[in-house]
PDB file of N, CA and C in Angstrom:
ATOM      1  N   UNK A   1      33.497 -20.530-108.433  1.00  0.00           N
ATOM      2  CA  UNK A   1      33.870 -21.759-107.785  1.00  0.00           C
ATOM      3  C   UNK A   1      33.174 -22.920-108.480  1.00  0.00           C
ATOM      4  N   UNK A   2      33.911 -24.006-108.671  1.00  0.00           N
ATOM      5  CA  UNK A   2      33.355 -25.189-109.317  1.00  0.00           C
ATOM      6  C   UNK A   2      32.415 -25.933-108.388  1.00  0.00           C
ATOM      7  N   UNK A   3      31.282 -26.403-108.902  1.00  0.00           N
ATOM      8  CA  UNK A   3      30.381 -27.191-108.050  1.00  0.00           C
ATOM      9  C   UNK A   3      31.025 -28.536-107.718  1.00  0.00           C
ATOM     10  N   UNK A   4      30.751 -29.028-106.545  1.00  0.00           N
ATOM     11  CA  UNK A   4      31.286 -30.315-106.108  1.00  0.00           C
ATOM     12  C   UNK A   4      30.305 -31.420-106.458  1.00  0.00           C
ATOM     13  N   UNK A   5      30.828 -32.588-106.697  1.00  0.00           N
ATOM     14  CA  UNK A   5      29.999 -33.754-106.955  1.00  0.00           C
ATOM     15  C   UNK A   5      29.677 -34.444-105.633  1.00  0.00           C
ATOM     16  N   UNK A   6      28.513 -35.063-105.584  1.00  0.00           N
ATOM     17  CA  UNK A   6      28.181 -35.873-104.414  1.00  0.00           C
ATOM     18  C   UNK A   6      29.006 -37.160-104.472  1.00  0.00           C
ATOM     19  N   UNK A   7      28.995 -37.908-103.377  1.00  0.00           N
ATOM     20  CA  UNK A   7      29.739 -39.165-103.344  1.00  0.00           C
ATOM     21  C   UNK A   7      29.223 -40.139-104.410  1.00  0.00           C
ATOM     22  N   UNK A   8      27.905 -40.228-104.553  1.00  0.00           N
ATOM     23  CA  UNK A   8      27.315 -41.118-105.558  1.00  0.00           C
ATOM     24  C   UNK A   8      27.695 -40.679-106.975  1.00  0.00           C
ATOM     25  N   UNK A   9      27.689 -39.371-107.238  1.00  0.00           N
ATOM     26  CA  UNK A   9      28.081 -38.870-108.552  1.00  0.00           C
ATOM     27  C   UNK A   9      29.551 -39.171-108.825  1.00  0.00           C
ATOM     28  N   UNK A  10      30.399 -39.020-107.827  1.00  0.00           N
ATOM     29  CA  UNK A  10      31.825 -39.316-107.987  1.00  0.00           C
ATOM     30  C   UNK A  10      32.062 -40.777-108.307  1.00  0.00           C
ATOM     31  N   UNK A  11      31.354 -41.679-107.610  1.00  0.00           N
ATOM     32  CA  UNK A  11      31.484 -43.112-107.898  1.00  0.00           C
ATOM     33  C   UNK A  11      31.040 -43.416-109.325  1.00  0.00           C
ATOM     34  N   UNK A  12      29.928 -42.802-109.752  1.00  0.00           N
ATOM     35  CA  UNK A  12      29.430 -43.024-111.109  1.00  0.00           C
ATOM     36  C   UNK A  12      30.412 -42.492-112.148  1.00  0.00           C
ATOM     37  N   UNK A  13      30.966 -41.317-111.920  1.00  0.00           N
ATOM     38  CA  UNK A  13      31.925 -40.735-112.863  1.00  0.00           C
ATOM     39  C   UNK A  13      33.172 -41.604-112.978  1.00  0.00           C
ATOM     40  N   UNK A  14      33.673 -42.141-111.880  1.00  0.00           N
ATOM     41  CA  UNK A  14      34.839 -43.036-111.938  1.00  0.00           C
ATOM     42  C   UNK A  14      34.510 -44.311-112.709  1.00  0.00           C
ATOM     43  N   UNK A  15      33.306 -44.856-112.521  1.00  0.00           N
ATOM     44  CA  UNK A  15      32.905 -46.067-113.249  1.00  0.00           C
ATOM     45  C   UNK A  15      32.793 -45.785-114.743  1.00  0.00           C
ATOM     46  N   UNK A  16      32.228 -44.633-115.111  1.00  0.00           N
ATOM     47  CA  UNK A  16      32.128 -44.268-116.528  1.00  0.00           C
ATOM     48  C   UNK A  16      33.513 -44.066-117.136  1.00  0.00           C
ATOM     49  N   UNK A  17      34.420 -43.458-116.381  1.00  0.00           N
ATOM     50  CA  UNK A  17      35.786 -43.258-116.867  1.00  0.00           C
ATOM     51  C   UNK A  17      36.449 -44.593-117.155  1.00  0.00           C
ATOM     52  N   UNK A  18      36.280 -45.550-116.249  1.00  0.00           N
ATOM     53  CA  UNK A  18      36.852 -46.891-116.476  1.00  0.00           C
ATOM     54  C   UNK A  18      36.237 -47.547-117.709  1.00  0.00           C
ATOM     55  N   UNK A  19      34.944 -47.331-117.945  1.00  0.00           N
ATOM     56  CA  UNK A  19      34.265 -47.958-119.083  1.00  0.00           C
ATOM     57  C   UNK A  19      34.657 -47.319-120.414  1.00  0.00           C
ATOM     58  N   UNK A  20      34.950 -46.017-120.402  1.00  0.00           N
ATOM     59  CA  UNK A  20      35.224 -45.296-121.646  1.00  0.00           C
ATOM     60  C   UNK A  20      36.687 -45.283-122.065  1.00  0.00           C
ATOM     61  N   UNK A  21      37.595 -45.177-121.123  1.00  0.00           N
ATOM     62  CA  UNK A  21      38.998 -44.985-121.466  1.00  0.00           C
ATOM     63  C   UNK A  21      39.862 -46.073-120.846  1.00  0.00           C
ATOM     64  N   UNK A  22      40.679 -46.696-121.665  1.00  0.00           N
ATOM     65  CA  UNK A  22      41.612 -47.689-121.165  1.00  0.00           C
ATOM     66  C   UNK A  22      42.701 -46.989-120.356  1.00  0.00           C
ATOM     67  N   UNK A  23      43.237 -47.628-119.311  1.00  0.00           N
ATOM     68  CA  UNK A  23      44.237 -46.980-118.463  1.00  0.00           C
ATOM     69  C   UNK A  23      45.463 -46.485-119.218  1.00  0.00           C
ATOM     70  N   UNK A  24      45.885 -47.181-120.265  1.00  0.00           N
ATOM     71  CA  UNK A  24      47.076 -46.746-120.996  1.00  0.00           C
ATOM     72  C   UNK A  24      46.848 -45.463-121.789  1.00  0.00           C
ATOM     73  N   UNK A  25      45.578 -45.074-122.018  1.00  0.00           N
ATOM     74  CA  UNK A  25      45.316 -43.830-122.735  1.00  0.00           C
ATOM     75  C   UNK A  25      45.176 -42.647-121.795  1.00  0.00           C
ATOM     76  N   UNK A  26      45.105 -42.916-120.497  1.00  0.00           N
ATOM     77  CA  UNK A  26      44.955 -41.837-119.531  1.00  0.00           C
ATOM     78  C   UNK A  26      46.251 -41.033-119.465  1.00  0.00           C
ATOM     79  N   UNK A  27      46.129 -39.719-119.521  1.00  0.00           N
ATOM     80  CA  UNK A  27      47.274 -38.836-119.494  1.00  0.00           C
ATOM     81  C   UNK A  27      46.921 -37.657-118.600  1.00  0.00           C
ATOM     82  N   UNK A  28      47.673 -37.461-117.540  1.00  0.00           N
ATOM     83  CA  UNK A  28      47.345 -36.402-116.585  1.00  0.00           C
ATOM     84  C   UNK A  28      47.484 -35.009-117.193  1.00  0.00           C
ATOM     85  N   UNK A  29      48.278 -34.846-118.236  1.00  0.00           N
ATOM     86  CA  UNK A  29      48.439 -33.544-118.875  1.00  0.00           C
ATOM     87  C   UNK A  29      47.249 -33.208-119.762  1.00  0.00           C
ATOM     88  N   UNK A  30      46.616 -34.210-120.316  1.00  0.00           N
ATOM     89  CA  UNK A  30      45.466 -34.018-121.199  1.00  0.00           C
ATOM     90  C   UNK A  30      44.370 -34.983-120.757  1.00  0.00           C
ATOM     91  N   UNK A  31      43.397 -34.521-119.971  1.00  0.00           N
ATOM     92  CA  UNK A  31      42.407 -35.463-119.431  1.00  0.00           C
ATOM     93  C   UNK A  31      41.627 -36.164-120.528  1.00  0.00           C
ATOM     94  N   UNK A  32      41.315 -37.420-120.276  1.00  0.00           N
ATOM     95  CA  UNK A  32      40.548 -38.205-121.233  1.00  0.00           C
ATOM     96  C   UNK A  32      39.098 -37.752-121.282  1.00  0.00           C
ATOM     97  N   UNK A  33      38.579 -37.247-120.155  1.00  0.00           N
ATOM     98  CA  UNK A  33      37.186 -36.840-120.084  1.00  0.00           C
ATOM     99  C   UNK A  33      37.070 -35.442-119.497  1.00  0.00           C
ATOM    100  N   UNK A  34      36.171 -34.669-120.071  1.00  0.00           N
ATOM    101  CA  UNK A  34      35.828 -33.356-119.527  1.00  0.00           C
ATOM    102  C   UNK A  34      34.330 -33.404-119.227  1.00  0.00           C
ATOM    103  N   UNK A  35      33.960 -33.095-117.984  1.00  0.00           N
ATOM    104  CA  UNK A  35      32.554 -33.120-117.586  1.00  0.00           C
ATOM    105  C   UNK A  35      31.943 -31.765-117.924  1.00  0.00           C
ATOM    106  N   UNK A  36      31.013 -31.759-118.863  1.00  0.00           N
ATOM    107  CA  UNK A  36      30.302 -30.533-119.247  1.00  0.00           C
ATOM    108  C   UNK A  36      29.141 -30.262-118.301  1.00  0.00           C
ATOM    109  N   UNK A  37      28.390 -31.312-117.968  1.00  0.00           N
ATOM    110  CA  UNK A  37      27.289 -31.158-117.021  1.00  0.00           C
ATOM    111  C   UNK A  37      27.017 -32.494-116.350  1.00  0.00           C
ATOM    112  N   UNK A  38      26.481 -32.397-115.133  1.00  0.00           N
ATOM    113  CA  UNK A  38      26.151 -33.597-114.360  1.00  0.00           C
ATOM    114  C   UNK A  38      24.932 -33.253-113.515  1.00  0.00           C
ATOM    115  N   UNK A  39      23.784 -33.778-113.915  1.00  0.00           N
ATOM    116  CA  UNK A  39      22.527 -33.501-113.211  1.00  0.00           C
ATOM    117  C   UNK A  39      22.009 -34.791-112.586  1.00  0.00           C
ATOM    118  N   UNK A  40      21.555 -34.693-111.349  1.00  0.00           N
ATOM    119  CA  UNK A  40      21.023 -35.852-110.639  1.00  0.00           C
ATOM    120  C   UNK A  40      19.666 -35.502-110.060  1.00  0.00           C
ATOM    121  N   UNK A  41      18.718 -36.416-110.244  1.00  0.00           N
ATOM    122  CA  UNK A  41      17.371 -36.255-109.700  1.00  0.00           C
ATOM    123  C   UNK A  41      17.027 -37.508-108.903  1.00  0.00           C
ATOM    124  N   UNK A  42      16.568 -37.322-107.671  1.00  0.00           N
ATOM    125  CA  UNK A  42      16.119 -38.463-106.878  1.00  0.00           C
ATOM    126  C   UNK A  42      14.789 -38.971-107.425  1.00  0.00           C
ATOM    127  N   UNK A  43      14.568 -40.279-107.320  1.00  0.00           N
ATOM    128  CA  UNK A  43      13.295 -40.866-107.721  1.00  0.00           C
ATOM    129  C   UNK A  43      12.980 -41.997-106.740  1.00  0.00           C
ATOM    130  N   UNK A  44      11.728 -42.375-106.690  1.00  0.00           N
ATOM    131  CA  UNK A  44      11.343 -43.526-105.878  1.00  0.00           C
ATOM    132  C   UNK A  44      10.058 -44.123-106.419  1.00  0.00           C
ATOM    133  N   UNK A  45       9.892 -45.396-106.144  1.00  0.00           N
ATOM    134  CA  UNK A  45       8.654 -46.099-106.475  1.00  0.00           C
ATOM    135  C   UNK A  45       8.163 -46.732-105.178  1.00  0.00           C
ATOM    136  N   UNK A  46       7.192 -47.575-105.268  1.00  0.00           N
ATOM    137  CA  UNK A  46       6.656 -48.226-104.071  1.00  0.00           C
ATOM    138  C   UNK A  46       7.720 -49.111-103.412  1.00  0.00           C
ATOM    139  N   UNK A  47       8.591 -49.709-104.214  1.00  0.00           N
ATOM    140  CA  UNK A  47       9.560 -50.666-103.675  1.00  0.00           C
ATOM    141  C   UNK A  47      11.024 -50.233-103.764  1.00  0.00           C
ATOM    142  N   UNK A  48      11.346 -49.243-104.594  1.00  0.00           N
ATOM    143  CA  UNK A  48      12.739 -48.862-104.799  1.00  0.00           C
ATOM    144  C   UNK A  48      12.916 -47.357-104.685  1.00  0.00           C
ATOM    145  N   UNK A  49      14.146 -46.956-104.412  1.00  0.00           N
ATOM    146  CA  UNK A  49      14.532 -45.546-104.436  1.00  0.00           C
ATOM    147  C   UNK A  49      15.904 -45.472-105.089  1.00  0.00           C
ATOM    148  N   UNK A  50      16.170 -44.350-105.733  1.00  0.00           N
ATOM    149  CA  UNK A  50      17.452 -44.202-106.401  1.00  0.00           C
ATOM    150  C   UNK A  50      17.603 -42.822-107.006  1.00  0.00           C
ATOM    151  N   UNK A  51      18.427 -42.749-108.046  1.00  0.00           N
ATOM    152  CA  UNK A  51      18.669 -41.486-108.733  1.00  0.00           C
ATOM    153  C   UNK A  51      18.682 -41.694-110.244  1.00  0.00           C
ATOM    154  N   UNK A  52      18.280 -40.634-110.934  1.00  0.00           N
ATOM    155  CA  UNK A  52      18.434 -40.558-112.391  1.00  0.00           C
ATOM    156  C   UNK A  52      19.535 -39.546-112.639  1.00  0.00           C
ATOM    157  N   UNK A  53      20.534 -39.949-113.413  1.00  0.00           N
ATOM    158  CA  UNK A  53      21.669 -39.084-113.714  1.00  0.00           C
ATOM    159  C   UNK A  53      21.686 -38.772-115.202  1.00  0.00           C
ATOM    160  N   UNK A  54      22.015 -37.540-115.526  1.00  0.00           N
ATOM    161  CA  UNK A  54      22.200 -37.128-116.926  1.00  0.00           C
ATOM    162  C   UNK A  54      23.560 -36.441-116.987  1.00  0.00           C
ATOM    163  N   UNK A  55      24.482 -37.029-117.733  1.00  0.00           N
ATOM    164  CA  UNK A  55      25.859 -36.555-117.781  1.00  0.00           C
ATOM    165  C   UNK A  55      26.234 -36.224-119.215  1.00  0.00           C
ATOM    166  N   UNK A  56      26.870 -35.077-119.404  1.00  0.00           N
ATOM    167  CA  UNK A  56      27.439 -34.730-120.703  1.00  0.00           C
ATOM    168  C   UNK A  56      28.944 -34.718-120.537  1.00  0.00           C
ATOM    169  N   UNK A  57      29.623 -35.579-121.299  1.00  0.00           N
ATOM    170  CA  UNK A  57      31.073 -35.714-121.243  1.00  0.00           C
ATOM    171  C   UNK A  57      31.675 -35.412-122.598  1.00  0.00           C
ATOM    172  N   UNK A  58      32.860 -34.820-122.593  1.00  0.00           N
ATOM    173  CA  UNK A  58      33.641 -34.686-123.811  1.00  0.00           C
ATOM    174  C   UNK A  58      34.828 -35.622-123.667  1.00  0.00           C
ATOM    175  N   UNK A  59      34.929 -36.585-124.565  1.00  0.00           N
ATOM    176  CA  UNK A  59      36.034 -37.539-124.553  1.00  0.00           C
ATOM    177  C   UNK A  59      37.123 -36.950-125.445  1.00  0.00           C
ATOM    178  N   UNK A  60      38.240 -36.540-124.825  1.00  0.00           N
ATOM    179  CA  UNK A  60      39.306 -35.874-125.578  1.00  0.00           C
ATOM    180  C   UNK A  60      40.382 -36.837-126.049  1.00  0.00           C
ATOM    181  N   UNK A  61      40.419 -38.021-125.479  1.00  0.00           N
ATOM    182  CA  UNK A  61      41.395 -39.038-125.870  1.00  0.00           C
ATOM    183  C   UNK A  61      40.709 -40.026-126.816  1.00  0.00           C
ATOM    184  N   UNK A  62      41.480 -40.698-127.656  1.00  0.00           N
ATOM    185  CA  UNK A  62      40.863 -41.692-128.549  1.00  0.00           C
ATOM    186  C   UNK A  62      40.221 -42.822-127.759  1.00  0.00           C
ATOM    187  N   UNK A  63      39.065 -43.239-128.230  1.00  0.00           N
ATOM    188  CA  UNK A  63      38.364 -44.379-127.636  1.00  0.00           C
ATOM    189  C   UNK A  63      38.029 -45.345-128.743  1.00  0.00           C
ATOM    190  N   UNK A  64      37.503 -46.477-128.379  1.00  0.00           N
ATOM    191  CA  UNK A  64      37.103 -47.482-129.347  1.00  0.00           C
ATOM    192  C   UNK A  64      36.069 -46.911-130.312  1.00  0.00           C
ATOM    193  N   UNK A  65      36.110 -47.352-131.550  1.00  0.00           N
ATOM    194  CA  UNK A  65      35.146 -46.891-132.556  1.00  0.00           C
ATOM    195  C   UNK A  65      33.743 -47.425-132.258  1.00  0.00           C
ATOM    196  N   UNK A  66      33.674 -48.506-131.483  1.00  0.00           N
ATOM    197  CA  UNK A  66      32.375 -49.072-131.116  1.00  0.00           C
ATOM    198  C   UNK A  66      31.661 -48.146-130.135  1.00  0.00           C
ATOM    199  N   UNK A  67      30.353 -48.269-130.122  1.00  0.00           N
ATOM    200  CA  UNK A  67      29.577 -47.514-129.141  1.00  0.00           C
ATOM    201  C   UNK A  67      29.959 -48.019-127.755  1.00  0.00           C
ATOM    202  N   UNK A  68      30.208 -47.108-126.803  1.00  0.00           N
ATOM    203  CA  UNK A  68      30.626 -47.557-125.475  1.00  0.00           C
ATOM    204  C   UNK A  68      29.572 -48.433-124.826  1.00  0.00           C
ATOM    205  N   UNK A  69      30.043 -49.464-124.146  1.00  0.00           N
ATOM    206  CA  UNK A  69      29.148 -50.369-123.438  1.00  0.00           C
ATOM    207  C   UNK A  69      29.250 -50.092-121.951  1.00  0.00           C
ATOM    208  N   UNK A  70      28.121 -49.903-121.330  1.00  0.00           N
ATOM    209  CA  UNK A  70      28.104 -49.663-119.899  1.00  0.00           C
ATOM    210  C   UNK A  70      27.569 -50.876-119.148  1.00  0.00           C
ATOM    211  N   UNK A  71      27.539 -52.041-119.822  1.00  0.00           N
ATOM    212  CA  UNK A  71      27.129 -53.272-119.153  1.00  0.00           C
ATOM    213  C   UNK A  71      28.132 -53.576-118.050  1.00  0.00           C
ATOM    214  N   UNK A  72      27.639 -53.921-116.916  1.00  0.00           N
ATOM    215  CA  UNK A  72      28.524 -54.312-115.828  1.00  0.00           C
ATOM    216  C   UNK A  72      29.124 -53.164-115.051  1.00  0.00           C
ATOM    217  N   UNK A  73      28.548 -51.964-115.141  1.00  0.00           N
ATOM    218  CA  UNK A  73      29.034 -50.871-114.298  1.00  0.00           C
ATOM    219  C   UNK A  73      28.813 -51.268-112.842  1.00  0.00           C
ATOM    220  N   UNK A  74      29.847 -51.131-112.039  1.00  0.00           N
ATOM    221  CA  UNK A  74      29.753 -51.505-110.634  1.00  0.00           C
ATOM    222  C   UNK A  74      29.892 -50.257-109.778  1.00  0.00           C
ATOM    223  N   UNK A  75      28.898 -50.014-108.952  1.00  0.00           N
ATOM    224  CA  UNK A  75      28.898 -48.877-108.042  1.00  0.00           C
ATOM    225  C   UNK A  75      28.641 -49.375-106.636  1.00  0.00           C
ATOM    226  N   UNK A  76      29.486 -48.991-105.703  1.00  0.00           N
ATOM    227  CA  UNK A  76      29.276 -49.355-104.304  1.00  0.00           C
ATOM    228  C   UNK A  76      28.047 -48.599-103.792  1.00  0.00           C
ATOM    229  N   UNK A  77      27.126 -49.318-103.188  1.00  0.00           N
ATOM    230  CA  UNK A  77      25.940 -48.699-102.613  1.00  0.00           C
ATOM    231  C   UNK A  77      24.778 -48.530-103.576  1.00  0.00           C
ATOM    232  N   UNK A  78      24.977 -48.891-104.850  1.00  0.00           N
ATOM    233  CA  UNK A  78      23.910 -48.738-105.847  1.00  0.00           C
ATOM    234  C   UNK A  78      23.954 -49.878-106.853  1.00  0.00           C
ATOM    235  N   UNK A  79      22.823 -50.097-107.476  1.00  0.00           N
ATOM    236  CA  UNK A  79      22.724 -51.010-108.610  1.00  0.00           C
ATOM    237  C   UNK A  79      22.422 -50.161-109.830  1.00  0.00           C
ATOM    238  N   UNK A  80      23.133 -50.395-110.924  1.00  0.00           N
ATOM    239  CA  UNK A  80      22.863 -49.663-112.159  1.00  0.00           C
ATOM    240  C   UNK A  80      21.732 -50.381-112.883  1.00  0.00           C
ATOM    241  N   UNK A  81      20.551 -49.746-112.901  1.00  0.00           N
ATOM    242  CA  UNK A  81      19.390 -50.339-113.548  1.00  0.00           C
ATOM    243  C   UNK A  81      19.440 -50.124-115.056  1.00  0.00           C
ATOM    244  N   UNK A  82      19.951 -48.967-115.473  1.00  0.00           N
ATOM    245  CA  UNK A  82      20.040 -48.650-116.902  1.00  0.00           C
ATOM    246  C   UNK A  82      21.137 -47.621-117.102  1.00  0.00           C
ATOM    247  N   UNK A  83      21.923 -47.815-118.153  1.00  0.00           N
ATOM    248  CA  UNK A  83      22.945 -46.840-118.537  1.00  0.00           C
ATOM    249  C   UNK A  83      23.044 -46.877-120.055  1.00  0.00           C
ATOM    250  N   UNK A  84      22.828 -45.713-120.675  1.00  0.00           N
ATOM    251  CA  UNK A  84      22.859 -45.689-122.147  1.00  0.00           C
ATOM    252  C   UNK A  84      23.324 -44.330-122.650  1.00  0.00           C
ATOM    253  N   UNK A  85      23.847 -44.356-123.867  1.00  0.00           N
ATOM    254  CA  UNK A  85      24.255 -43.128-124.533  1.00  0.00           C
ATOM    255  C   UNK A  85      23.031 -42.565-125.241  1.00  0.00           C
ATOM    256  N   UNK A  86      22.648 -41.341-124.878  1.00  0.00           N
ATOM    257  CA  UNK A  86      21.510 -40.671-125.510  1.00  0.00           C
ATOM    258  C   UNK A  86      21.928 -40.128-126.867  1.00  0.00           C
ATOM    259  N   UNK A  87      23.107 -39.486-126.895  1.00  0.00           N
ATOM    260  CA  UNK A  87      23.623 -38.967-128.160  1.00  0.00           C
ATOM    261  C   UNK A  87      25.140 -38.947-128.123  1.00  0.00           C
ATOM    262  N   UNK A  88      25.736 -39.063-129.295  1.00  0.00           N
ATOM    263  CA  UNK A  88      27.188 -38.989-129.458  1.00  0.00           C
ATOM    264  C   UNK A  88      27.455 -38.112-130.677  1.00  0.00           C
ATOM    265  N   UNK A  89      28.175 -37.008-130.461  1.00  0.00           N
ATOM    266  CA  UNK A  89      28.443 -36.048-131.528  1.00  0.00           C
ATOM    267  C   UNK A  89      29.943 -35.780-131.583  1.00  0.00           C
ATOM    268  N   UNK A  90      30.511 -35.872-132.773  1.00  0.00           N
ATOM    269  CA  UNK A  90      31.923 -35.543-132.943  1.00  0.00           C
ATOM    270  C   UNK A  90      32.042 -34.031-133.087  1.00  0.00           C
ATOM    271  N   UNK A  91      32.873 -33.428-132.228  1.00  0.00           N
ATOM    272  CA  UNK A  91      33.091 -31.978-132.241  1.00  0.00           C
ATOM    273  C   UNK A  91      34.585 -31.715-132.322  1.00  0.00           C
ATOM    274  N   UNK A  92      34.947 -30.459-132.471  1.00  0.00           N
ATOM    275  CA  UNK A  92      36.352 -30.079-132.538  1.00  0.00           C
ATOM    276  C   UNK A  92      37.075 -30.467-131.251  1.00  0.00           C
ATOM    277  N   UNK A  93      36.398 -30.331-130.121  1.00  0.00           N
ATOM    278  CA  UNK A  93      37.007 -30.616-128.823  1.00  0.00           C
ATOM    279  C   UNK A  93      37.102 -32.104-128.520  1.00  0.00           C
ATOM    280  N   UNK A  94      36.362 -32.938-129.224  1.00  0.00           N
ATOM    281  CA  UNK A  94      36.360 -34.382-129.002  1.00  0.00           C
ATOM    282  C   UNK A  94      34.983 -34.954-129.224  1.00  0.00           C
ATOM    283  N   UNK A  95      34.776 -36.139-128.725  1.00  0.00           N
ATOM    284  CA  UNK A  95      33.486 -36.812-128.840  1.00  0.00           C
ATOM    285  C   UNK A  95      32.607 -36.387-127.670  1.00  0.00           C
ATOM    286  N   UNK A  96      31.460 -35.769-127.969  1.00  0.00           N
ATOM    287  CA  UNK A  96      30.541 -35.302-126.929  1.00  0.00           C
ATOM    288  C   UNK A  96      29.480 -36.371-126.712  1.00  0.00           C
ATOM    289  N   UNK A  97      29.462 -36.923-125.500  1.00  0.00           N
ATOM    290  CA  UNK A  97      28.511 -37.971-125.149  1.00  0.00           C
ATOM    291  C   UNK A  97      27.502 -37.444-124.150  1.00  0.00           C
ATOM    292  N   UNK A  98      26.234 -37.686-124.425  1.00  0.00           N
ATOM    293  CA  UNK A  98      25.163 -37.391-123.477  1.00  0.00           C
ATOM    294  C   UNK A  98      24.700 -38.750-122.962  1.00  0.00           C
ATOM    295  N   UNK A  99      24.864 -38.983-121.651  1.00  0.00           N
ATOM    296  CA  UNK A  99      24.654 -40.312-121.060  1.00  0.00           C
ATOM    297  C   UNK A  99      23.557 -40.227-120.002  1.00  0.00           C
ATOM    298  N   UNK A 100      22.651 -41.210-120.012  1.00  0.00           N
ATOM    299  CA  UNK A 100      21.612 -41.313-118.977  1.00  0.00           C
ATOM    300  C   UNK A 100      21.859 -42.586-118.178  1.00  0.00           C
ATOM    301  N   UNK A 101      21.827 -42.436-116.859  1.00  0.00           N
ATOM    302  CA  UNK A 101      22.042 -43.572-115.966  1.00  0.00           C
ATOM    303  C   UNK A 101      20.964 -43.542-114.889  1.00  0.00           C
ATOM    304  N   UNK A 102      20.373 -44.713-114.621  1.00  0.00           N
ATOM    305  CA  UNK A 102      19.399 -44.830-113.547  1.00  0.00           C
ATOM    306  C   UNK A 102      19.954 -45.817-112.538  1.00  0.00           C
ATOM    307  N   UNK A 103      20.047 -45.391-111.276  1.00  0.00           N
ATOM    308  CA  UNK A 103      20.575 -46.245-110.236  1.00  0.00           C
ATOM    309  C   UNK A 103      19.522 -46.520-109.173  1.00  0.00           C
ATOM    310  N   UNK A 104      19.676 -47.651-108.505  1.00  0.00           N
ATOM    311  CA  UNK A 104      18.801 -48.035-107.394  1.00  0.00           C
ATOM    312  C   UNK A 104      19.686 -48.148-106.158  1.00  0.00           C
ATOM    313  N   UNK A 105      19.258 -47.502-105.083  1.00  0.00           N
ATOM    314  CA  UNK A 105      20.003 -47.562-103.829  1.00  0.00           C
ATOM    315  C   UNK A 105      19.822 -48.931-103.189  1.00  0.00           C
ATOM    316  N   UNK A 106      20.903 -49.438-102.617  1.00  0.00           N
ATOM    317  CA  UNK A 106      20.826 -50.693-101.860  1.00  0.00           C
ATOM    318  C   UNK A 106      21.138 -50.366-100.404  1.00  0.00           C
ATOM    319  N   UNK A 107      20.561 -51.106 -99.514  1.00  0.00           N
ATOM    320  CA  UNK A 107      20.794 -50.873 -98.086  1.00  0.00           C
ATOM    321  C   UNK A 107      22.259 -50.999 -97.723  1.00  0.00           C
ATOM    322  N   UNK A 108      22.760 -50.075 -96.957  1.00  0.00           N
ATOM    323  CA  UNK A 108      24.176 -50.091 -96.588  1.00  0.00           C
ATOM    324  C   UNK A 108      24.428 -50.892 -95.343  1.00  0.00           C
TER     325      UNK A 108
END
């Protein structure tokens, strides 16, 4: 059985999908993104609480040659403090991206 994503992970994955793939390249027969792994760790400091996410995605559809920009990722219920590509490797299956995202929870 496939593991389920939490609500916060689902929101983050949808935001990353919007940032990586333009809507006209989305094809339901051949997904633009394949999630290889999605790990989330809770964190907190004296003033903030949130999550650290580590996601490995395979981009199977063509994307921009530029490094993906995650500036302006919008997540309901969270603020994206940092989002960056750790590594990008071209493989037979597509572009393999290892992405780190740090979010801060906001009061609901």
